[in-house]
Amino acid sequence: MNDTSQRLTIKKLAEEDRPREKMMLKGRHVLSDAELIAILIGSGTRNESAIEVGRKLLIKADNDLYKLSRMGIKEMKSVDGIGEAKAITIISALELGRRRKEREKPNRDKIGQSKDVFDLMSPVLSDLSHEEFWVLLLDRANHVLRKEQISSGGVAGTVADPKLIFKKALDCLASGVILVHNHPSGNTTPSQADMEITRKVCEGGKLLDIAVLDHIIFADDLYYSFADEGMMK
């Protein structure tokens, strides 16, 4: 018996290994490129599953989805198991992906002054009865890539670890950060601990080439900006 006759069809795979069932159970992100193609083409050949046909198509494209998107119907049909209808289905799916990317218009908040930070973070920090420490992660144009909570504590304070702050920044390749926390007491005056964490993060930012632009303290409807007060060094 030759090797091809022993290959599994999708129907013979364990249910959790079938592409459609796998997506239902585990989500789309766990599927390989070949499994996603298998869903598009639906079936393979007598001796090969749709997943194996998908792998062969990817190999022809050097496992590069960009190259695959530039293949025509005739080129795709040269792979055994890919007919005209299946080629058209794959090309249509890739074209939809291209159009989606082309039309994406990121609507990111841009920070130009301390008031922008206050407006952005007020819904998060206003009326809290405990202290929270957050960081805004920015790109080079000061657009907000992400806002991340670093810690949450009691009424008297919370501890912010500079290592965790910079891990968050490095994870999304941020060029700048803004520190943000609240004072449930309603007093905007920075504490000695506030000044110390600002100093430590600024020093770390210089080593990592990540700009620490400001540290803003929220207190009810008021705020204190280290940058506005000339406290960022």
Protein backbone atom coordinates (compact mmCIF):
# COMPACT_ATOMS: atom_id res chain seq x y z
CA MET A 1 0.00 0.00 0.00
CA ASN A 2 1.50 3.35 -0.96
CA ASP A 3 1.87 6.29 1.39
CA THR A 4 -0.83 8.46 -0.21
CA SER A 5 -3.53 5.84 0.35
CA GLN A 6 -2.86 5.95 4.09
CA ARG A 7 -3.33 9.71 4.41
CA LEU A 8 -6.26 10.96 6.46
CA THR A 9 -9.17 12.87 5.02
CA ILE A 10 -10.63 15.66 7.15
CA LYS A 11 -13.63 13.49 8.04
CA LYS A 12 -11.29 10.93 9.62
CA LEU A 13 -9.52 13.48 11.79
CA ALA A 14 -10.47 13.84 15.44
CA GLU A 15 -13.30 16.36 15.68
CA GLU A 16 -11.17 18.94 17.51
CA ASP A 17 -8.58 18.73 14.70
CA ARG A 18 -11.02 19.47 11.87
CA PRO A 19 -10.63 23.09 10.79
CA ARG A 20 -14.29 24.12 11.13
CA GLU A 21 -14.76 22.33 14.44
CA LYS A 22 -11.41 23.64 15.66
CA MET A 23 -12.50 27.20 14.92
CA MET A 24 -15.78 26.66 16.77
CA LEU A 25 -14.01 25.19 19.80
CA LYS A 26 -10.86 27.28 20.01
CA GLY A 27 -11.36 30.38 17.86
CA ARG A 28 -10.05 31.47 14.49
CA HIS A 29 -6.64 32.62 15.73
CA VAL A 30 -5.44 29.08 16.52
CA LEU A 31 -5.88 27.86 12.95
CA SER A 32 -2.85 27.59 10.68
CA ASP A 33 -2.83 29.18 7.23
CA ALA A 34 -3.30 25.73 5.69
CA GLU A 35 -6.34 25.07 7.91
CA LEU A 36 -7.92 28.38 6.94
CA ILE A 37 -7.40 27.54 3.26
CA ALA A 38 -8.91 24.11 3.91
CA ILE A 39 -12.10 25.79 5.15
CA LEU A 40 -12.23 27.87 1.98
CA ILE A 41 -11.77 24.97 -0.41
CA GLY A 42 -13.98 22.59 1.54
CA SER A 43 -12.56 19.31 0.26
CA GLY A 44 -9.31 17.77 -0.87
CA THR A 45 -8.59 14.93 -3.26
CA ARG A 46 -9.11 11.21 -2.98
CA ASN A 47 -5.73 10.77 -1.33
CA GLU A 48 -5.16 14.13 0.35
CA SER A 49 -7.18 16.15 2.83
CA ALA A 50 -8.09 19.77 2.20
CA ILE A 51 -5.45 20.70 4.79
CA GLU A 52 -2.74 18.91 2.80
CA VAL A 53 -3.90 20.61 -0.41
CA GLY A 54 -3.74 23.92 1.43
CA ARG A 55 -0.18 23.16 2.55
CA LYS A 56 0.85 22.35 -1.02
CA LEU A 57 -0.63 25.63 -2.24
CA LEU A 58 1.25 27.54 0.46
CA ILE A 59 4.50 25.78 -0.46
CA LYS A 60 4.00 26.92 -4.05
CA ALA A 61 3.73 30.47 -2.68
CA ASP A 62 6.87 29.99 -0.51
CA ASN A 63 4.59 30.05 2.56
CA ASP A 64 4.06 33.76 1.92
CA LEU A 65 0.46 35.00 1.99
CA TYR A 66 1.46 38.11 0.06
CA LYS A 67 2.82 35.94 -2.77
CA LEU A 68 -0.30 33.78 -2.57
CA SER A 69 -2.48 36.87 -2.97
CA ARG A 70 -0.66 37.70 -6.21
CA MET A 71 -1.20 34.26 -7.75
CA GLY A 72 -3.73 33.94 -10.54
CA ILE A 73 -6.34 31.26 -11.14
CA LYS A 74 -4.16 29.36 -13.60
CA GLU A 75 -1.20 29.22 -11.21
CA MET A 76 -3.36 28.03 -8.32
CA LYS A 77 -4.94 25.35 -10.53
CA SER A 78 -1.49 23.84 -11.08
CA VAL A 79 -1.75 22.46 -7.53
CA ASP A 80 -3.54 19.11 -7.45
CA GLY A 81 -6.88 19.54 -5.70
CA ILE A 82 -7.36 23.21 -6.63
CA GLY A 83 -9.88 23.70 -9.42
CA GLU A 84 -11.20 26.91 -10.89
CA ALA A 85 -13.99 27.34 -8.32
CA LYS A 86 -11.62 26.78 -5.38
CA ALA A 87 -9.03 29.14 -6.83
CA ILE A 88 -11.68 31.84 -7.25
CA THR A 89 -12.83 31.32 -3.64
CA ILE A 90 -9.28 31.73 -2.30
CA ILE A 91 -8.57 34.78 -4.44
CA SER A 92 -11.86 36.38 -3.35
CA ALA A 93 -11.05 35.84 0.34
CA LEU A 94 -7.57 37.32 -0.05
CA GLU A 95 -9.00 40.30 -1.96
CA LEU A 96 -11.48 40.98 0.83
CA GLY A 97 -8.59 40.95 3.32
CA ARG A 98 -6.65 43.38 1.13
CA ARG A 99 -9.61 45.77 0.87
CA ARG A 100 -10.22 45.65 4.60
CA LYS A 101 -6.61 46.60 5.32
CA GLU A 102 -6.72 49.33 2.69
CA ARG A 103 -9.80 50.92 4.21
CA GLU A 104 -8.69 50.75 7.82
CA LYS A 105 -8.48 54.25 9.25
CA PRO A 106 -7.05 54.16 12.75
CA ASN A 107 -8.79 56.72 14.93
CA ARG A 108 -6.24 57.01 17.68
CA ASP A 109 -6.33 59.65 20.35
CA LYS A 110 -3.48 62.14 20.04
CA ILE A 111 -1.92 63.79 23.06
CA GLY A 112 -0.91 67.40 22.54
CA GLN A 113 -1.23 68.74 26.09
CA SER A 114 -1.98 67.61 29.62
CA LYS A 115 -5.70 68.41 29.20
CA ASP A 116 -5.88 65.73 26.48
CA VAL A 117 -4.70 63.15 29.02
CA PHE A 118 -7.23 64.41 31.56
CA ASP A 119 -10.08 64.15 29.04
CA LEU A 120 -8.98 60.66 27.96
CA MET A 121 -8.52 59.19 31.44
CA SER A 122 -11.29 60.95 33.37
CA PRO A 123 -13.85 58.22 32.54
CA VAL A 124 -11.40 55.67 33.94
CA LEU A 125 -10.22 57.41 37.10
CA SER A 126 -12.99 59.79 38.15
CA ASP A 127 -14.94 58.93 41.31
CA LEU A 128 -12.68 56.02 42.29
CA SER A 129 -12.43 55.41 46.04
CA HIS A 130 -9.05 53.69 45.64
CA GLU A 131 -5.82 54.59 43.87
CA GLU A 132 -4.90 53.22 40.44
CA PHE A 133 -1.75 53.71 38.39
CA TRP A 134 -1.96 53.70 34.58
CA VAL A 135 0.39 54.35 31.70
CA LEU A 136 -0.38 55.72 28.24
CA LEU A 137 1.82 54.20 25.54
CA LEU A 138 2.46 56.53 22.59
CA ASP A 139 3.95 56.35 19.11
CA ARG A 140 6.38 58.95 17.75
CA ALA A 141 3.49 61.24 16.74
CA ASN A 142 2.04 61.03 20.29
CA HIS A 143 -0.92 58.91 19.22
CA VAL A 144 -2.09 56.59 21.98
CA LEU A 145 -1.21 53.01 21.10
CA ARG A 146 -2.62 51.60 24.30
CA LYS A 147 -3.56 52.51 27.86
CA GLU A 148 -2.53 49.98 30.48
CA GLN A 149 -3.27 49.63 34.16
CA ILE A 150 -0.06 49.02 36.10
CA SER A 151 -1.43 48.63 39.61
CA SER A 152 -4.43 49.12 41.85
CA GLY A 153 -4.27 49.79 45.58
CA GLY A 154 -6.07 51.29 48.54
CA VAL A 155 -7.07 54.78 49.56
CA ALA A 156 -3.55 55.65 50.70
CA GLY A 157 -1.67 54.61 47.56
CA THR A 158 -0.54 51.95 45.12
CA VAL A 159 2.87 50.67 44.03
CA ALA A 160 4.01 51.09 40.43
CA ASP A 161 6.93 48.96 39.25
CA PRO A 162 9.08 50.70 36.60
CA LYS A 163 10.04 47.30 35.15
CA LEU A 164 6.39 46.53 34.44
CA ILE A 165 5.88 49.98 32.90
CA PHE A 166 8.76 49.47 30.47
CA LYS A 167 7.72 45.90 29.70
CA LYS A 168 4.36 47.26 28.56
CA ALA A 169 6.11 49.93 26.50
CA LEU A 170 8.53 47.50 24.87
CA ASP A 171 5.76 45.00 24.09
CA CYS A 172 4.05 47.49 21.77
CA LEU A 173 7.23 49.31 20.65
CA ALA A 174 6.09 52.56 22.22
CA SER A 175 8.23 55.64 21.68
CA GLY A 176 6.85 57.53 24.64
CA VAL A 177 4.91 57.05 27.86
CA ILE A 178 2.75 59.20 30.12
CA LEU A 179 2.25 58.16 33.73
CA VAL A 180 -1.21 58.64 35.21
CA HIS A 181 -2.65 57.97 38.65
CA ASN A 182 -5.35 59.33 40.93
CA HIS A 183 -5.52 60.65 44.48
CA PRO A 184 -8.87 59.64 46.03
CA SER A 185 -8.22 62.21 48.77
CA GLY A 186 -8.90 65.01 46.29
CA ASN A 187 -5.45 66.53 46.85
CA THR A 188 -3.48 67.01 43.61
CA THR A 189 -0.15 67.70 45.35
CA PRO A 190 2.39 65.01 44.41
CA SER A 191 3.74 62.94 47.28
CA GLN A 192 7.40 62.07 47.80
CA ALA A 193 6.61 58.61 46.38
CA ASP A 194 5.05 60.21 43.29
CA MET A 195 8.21 62.25 42.69
CA GLU A 196 10.43 59.22 43.26
CA ILE A 197 8.61 56.96 40.78
CA THR A 198 8.68 59.78 38.22
CA ARG A 199 12.44 60.15 38.67
CA LYS A 200 13.04 56.39 38.34
CA VAL A 201 10.92 56.04 35.22
CA CYS A 202 12.56 59.07 33.60
CA GLU A 203 15.99 57.56 34.22
CA GLY A 204 14.91 54.22 32.80
CA GLY A 205 13.38 55.92 29.78
CA LYS A 206 16.69 57.57 28.94
CA LEU A 207 18.44 54.19 28.92
CA LEU A 208 15.78 52.60 26.72
CA ASP A 209 15.26 55.62 24.46
CA ILE A 210 11.61 55.86 25.53
CA ALA A 211 10.47 59.42 26.25
CA VAL A 212 8.66 59.92 29.55
CA LEU A 213 6.51 62.90 28.65
CA ASP A 214 4.46 63.59 31.75
CA HIS A 215 3.07 62.28 35.01
CA ILE A 216 -0.47 63.41 35.72
CA ILE A 217 -2.27 63.13 39.04
CA PHE A 218 -6.07 63.13 39.03
CA ALA A 219 -8.08 64.40 41.99
CA ASP A 220 -11.83 64.81 41.49
CA ASP A 221 -12.21 67.36 38.65
CA LEU A 222 -8.66 68.69 39.03
CA TYR A 223 -5.29 67.42 37.92
CA TYR A 224 -1.59 68.09 38.40
CA SER A 225 0.81 67.80 35.45
CA PHE A 226 4.50 67.30 36.20
CA ALA A 227 5.32 68.57 32.71
CA ASP A 228 3.22 71.73 33.09
CA GLU A 229 4.95 72.44 36.39
CA GLY A 230 8.45 71.89 34.97
CA MET A 231 8.97 68.75 37.06
CA MET A 232 10.01 66.39 34.23
CA LYS A 233 13.80 66.15 34.15
